[in-house]
Amino acid sequence: MKLMIAALATETNSFSPIPTGWKAFEESFVGSDATRKPANLFSAPLHVWRTKAEIKGWEVVESLCALAQPGGPTLRRVYQDLRDEILADISANRPDILLLSLHGAMMANGYPDCEGDLLTRARQILGPKAIIGVEVDPHSHLTQAMLDAANLIVAYK
């Protein structure tokens, strides 16, 4: 069994005039080795997922973990670059199970539902047989695109 884990999280305040750009993500965390560093609020699920999978003897592939503090809408190019890195890893690795730590309230210029966009594209790559699970914040947006693409959505406790 092959598991891929990743995170892409920020909480968008649509009324904020200050966009969320690269610097906001770099100040919090951007990397593909989150489980090799101390856990933080959004990388903690990745640590748990890796540990549980390794106990079962599963192969674990770790993709991007990108986090930013709450702010205005994410710049379009920044979101697309982060999303596309995760999608490229999904395409290259074709996991049986994909688990994503997302905030659930991310918006970018031209993307009112970043989580729905990412999940829809992941589902298109993996097809209907793969399992896609998502962890979101309790006050996330819950959209039809998210429901259609994910097998499991869990609110963070």
Protein backbone atom coordinates (compact mmCIF):
# COMPACT_ATOMS: atom_id res chain seq x y z
CA MET A 1 0.00 0.00 0.00
CA LYS A 2 1.34 3.43 -0.90
CA LEU A 3 0.33 6.51 1.09
CA MET A 4 1.04 10.09 0.06
CA ILE A 5 0.79 12.89 2.60
CA ALA A 6 0.79 16.65 2.03
CA ALA A 7 -0.48 19.91 3.49
CA LEU A 8 -1.57 23.22 2.02
CA ALA A 9 -3.14 25.53 4.54
CA THR A 10 -4.02 29.13 5.14
CA GLU A 11 -7.18 30.79 6.37
CA THR A 12 -8.34 33.47 3.97
CA ASN A 13 -9.97 36.65 5.17
CA SER A 14 -11.65 37.84 1.99
CA PHE A 15 -12.04 41.36 3.40
CA SER A 16 -8.29 41.80 3.97
CA PRO A 17 -6.57 44.13 1.49
CA ILE A 18 -3.19 42.45 2.14
CA PRO A 19 -2.69 39.44 -0.15
CA THR A 20 -1.04 36.22 1.00
CA GLY A 21 2.14 35.77 -1.03
CA TRP A 22 5.28 33.66 -0.95
CA LYS A 23 6.69 35.46 2.07
CA ALA A 24 3.68 34.50 4.21
CA PHE A 25 4.22 30.81 3.41
CA GLU A 26 8.01 31.01 3.84
CA GLU A 27 7.59 32.61 7.29
CA SER A 28 5.45 29.68 8.47
CA PHE A 29 6.71 26.61 6.62
CA VAL A 30 7.28 25.36 3.10
CA GLY A 31 9.00 22.07 2.44
CA SER A 32 8.68 18.40 1.64
CA ASP A 33 10.21 17.17 4.88
CA ALA A 34 7.65 18.28 7.47
CA THR A 35 7.71 14.96 9.31
CA ARG A 36 11.45 15.27 9.81
CA LYS A 37 10.89 18.50 11.78
CA PRO A 38 8.86 19.23 14.93
CA ALA A 39 5.10 19.10 14.37
CA ASN A 40 3.12 22.31 14.10
CA LEU A 41 -0.62 22.91 13.91
CA PHE A 42 -1.01 21.81 10.28
CA SER A 43 1.87 19.36 9.96
CA ALA A 44 0.83 17.37 13.05
CA PRO A 45 -1.56 15.14 11.06
CA LEU A 46 1.28 14.27 8.66
CA HIS A 47 3.36 13.02 11.60
CA VAL A 48 0.48 10.81 12.78
CA TRP A 49 -0.26 9.52 9.29
CA ARG A 50 3.40 8.65 8.63
CA THR A 51 3.77 6.84 11.95
CA LYS A 52 0.55 4.82 11.52
CA ALA A 53 1.43 3.87 7.93
CA GLU A 54 4.97 2.84 8.77
CA ILE A 55 3.68 0.61 11.58
CA LYS A 56 1.55 -1.15 8.95
CA GLY A 57 4.55 -1.48 6.64
CA TRP A 58 3.15 0.88 4.02
CA GLU A 59 5.30 2.96 1.72
CA VAL A 60 5.00 6.65 2.61
CA VAL A 61 5.63 9.44 0.13
CA GLU A 62 5.76 12.93 1.58
CA SER A 63 4.89 15.81 -0.70
CA LEU A 64 4.77 19.51 0.00
CA CYS A 65 3.76 20.98 3.33
CA ALA A 66 3.01 24.70 2.91
CA LEU A 67 1.48 26.82 5.65
CA ALA A 68 0.72 30.53 6.03
CA GLN A 69 -0.85 32.55 8.82
CA PRO A 70 -4.35 33.93 8.11
CA GLY A 71 -4.41 36.74 5.59
CA GLY A 72 -6.01 38.07 2.47
CA PRO A 73 -6.59 36.00 -0.66
CA THR A 74 -3.51 34.10 -1.81
CA LEU A 75 -1.87 35.40 -4.93
CA ARG A 76 -2.98 33.34 -7.92
CA ARG A 77 0.54 32.32 -9.03
CA VAL A 78 1.54 31.34 -5.47
CA TYR A 79 -1.50 29.07 -5.09
CA GLN A 80 -1.02 27.55 -8.53
CA ASP A 81 2.67 26.83 -7.88
CA LEU A 82 1.97 25.19 -4.51
CA ARG A 83 -0.99 23.20 -5.88
CA ASP A 84 0.92 22.12 -8.96
CA GLU A 85 3.84 20.80 -6.88
CA ILE A 86 1.47 18.57 -4.94
CA LEU A 87 -0.30 17.46 -8.13
CA ALA A 88 3.03 16.66 -9.82
CA ASP A 89 3.95 14.45 -6.86
CA ILE A 90 0.56 12.73 -7.05
CA SER A 91 1.07 12.08 -10.77
CA ALA A 92 4.61 10.80 -10.27
CA ASN A 93 3.78 8.53 -7.32
CA ARG A 94 0.19 7.37 -7.94
CA PRO A 95 -0.59 6.58 -4.29
CA ASP A 96 -3.34 4.20 -3.23
CA ILE A 97 -4.25 6.64 -0.47
CA LEU A 98 -3.82 10.41 -0.47
CA LEU A 99 -4.15 12.26 2.84
CA LEU A 100 -4.16 16.06 2.84
CA SER A 101 -3.99 18.46 5.76
CA LEU A 102 -5.87 21.54 4.57
CA HIS A 103 -7.34 24.43 6.48
CA GLY A 104 -10.48 24.37 4.39
CA ALA A 105 -10.93 28.13 4.02
CA MET A 106 -8.29 29.04 1.45
CA MET A 107 -9.13 31.40 -1.38
CA ALA A 108 -6.83 32.69 -4.11
CA ASN A 109 -7.32 35.22 -6.85
CA GLY A 110 -9.51 33.39 -9.36
CA TYR A 111 -10.02 30.41 -7.03
CA PRO A 112 -12.84 30.88 -4.51
CA ASP A 113 -12.49 27.22 -3.40
CA CYS A 114 -8.82 26.21 -3.37
CA GLU A 115 -9.49 22.98 -1.48
CA GLY A 116 -12.20 21.95 -3.92
CA ASP A 117 -9.90 22.79 -6.82
CA LEU A 118 -6.99 20.79 -5.42
CA LEU A 119 -9.16 17.80 -4.52
CA THR A 120 -10.93 17.75 -7.90
CA ARG A 121 -7.61 17.76 -9.74
CA ALA A 122 -6.20 15.06 -7.43
CA ARG A 123 -9.26 12.88 -8.09
CA GLN A 124 -8.85 13.38 -11.84
CA ILE A 125 -5.28 12.09 -11.59
CA LEU A 126 -5.96 9.17 -9.24
CA GLY A 127 -9.32 8.02 -10.54
CA PRO A 128 -12.24 6.61 -8.56
CA LYS A 129 -10.47 3.71 -6.82
CA ALA A 130 -7.93 5.72 -4.81
CA ILE A 131 -8.85 6.87 -1.33
CA ILE A 132 -8.61 10.62 -0.73
CA GLY A 133 -8.87 11.81 2.85
CA VAL A 134 -8.80 15.39 4.08
CA GLU A 135 -8.35 17.00 7.47
CA VAL A 136 -9.83 20.51 7.80
CA ASP A 137 -10.34 23.13 10.47
CA PRO A 138 -13.78 23.04 12.17
CA HIS A 139 -14.78 26.39 10.66
CA SER A 140 -13.70 25.53 7.13
CA HIS A 141 -15.78 25.97 4.03
CA LEU A 142 -17.42 22.71 3.03
CA THR A 143 -18.13 22.77 -0.68
CA GLN A 144 -19.74 20.37 -3.10
CA ALA A 145 -16.44 20.05 -4.96
CA MET A 146 -14.76 18.89 -1.74
CA LEU A 147 -17.56 16.41 -1.04
CA ASP A 148 -17.48 15.07 -4.59
CA ALA A 149 -13.71 14.52 -4.69
CA ALA A 150 -12.89 13.23 -1.20
CA ASN A 151 -13.81 9.89 0.35
CA LEU A 152 -13.35 11.23 3.85
CA ILE A 153 -13.32 14.72 5.38
CA VAL A 154 -12.47 15.05 9.08
CA ALA A 155 -12.67 18.25 11.12
CA TYR A 156 -9.51 18.85 13.12
CA LYS A 157 -9.91 18.50 16.89
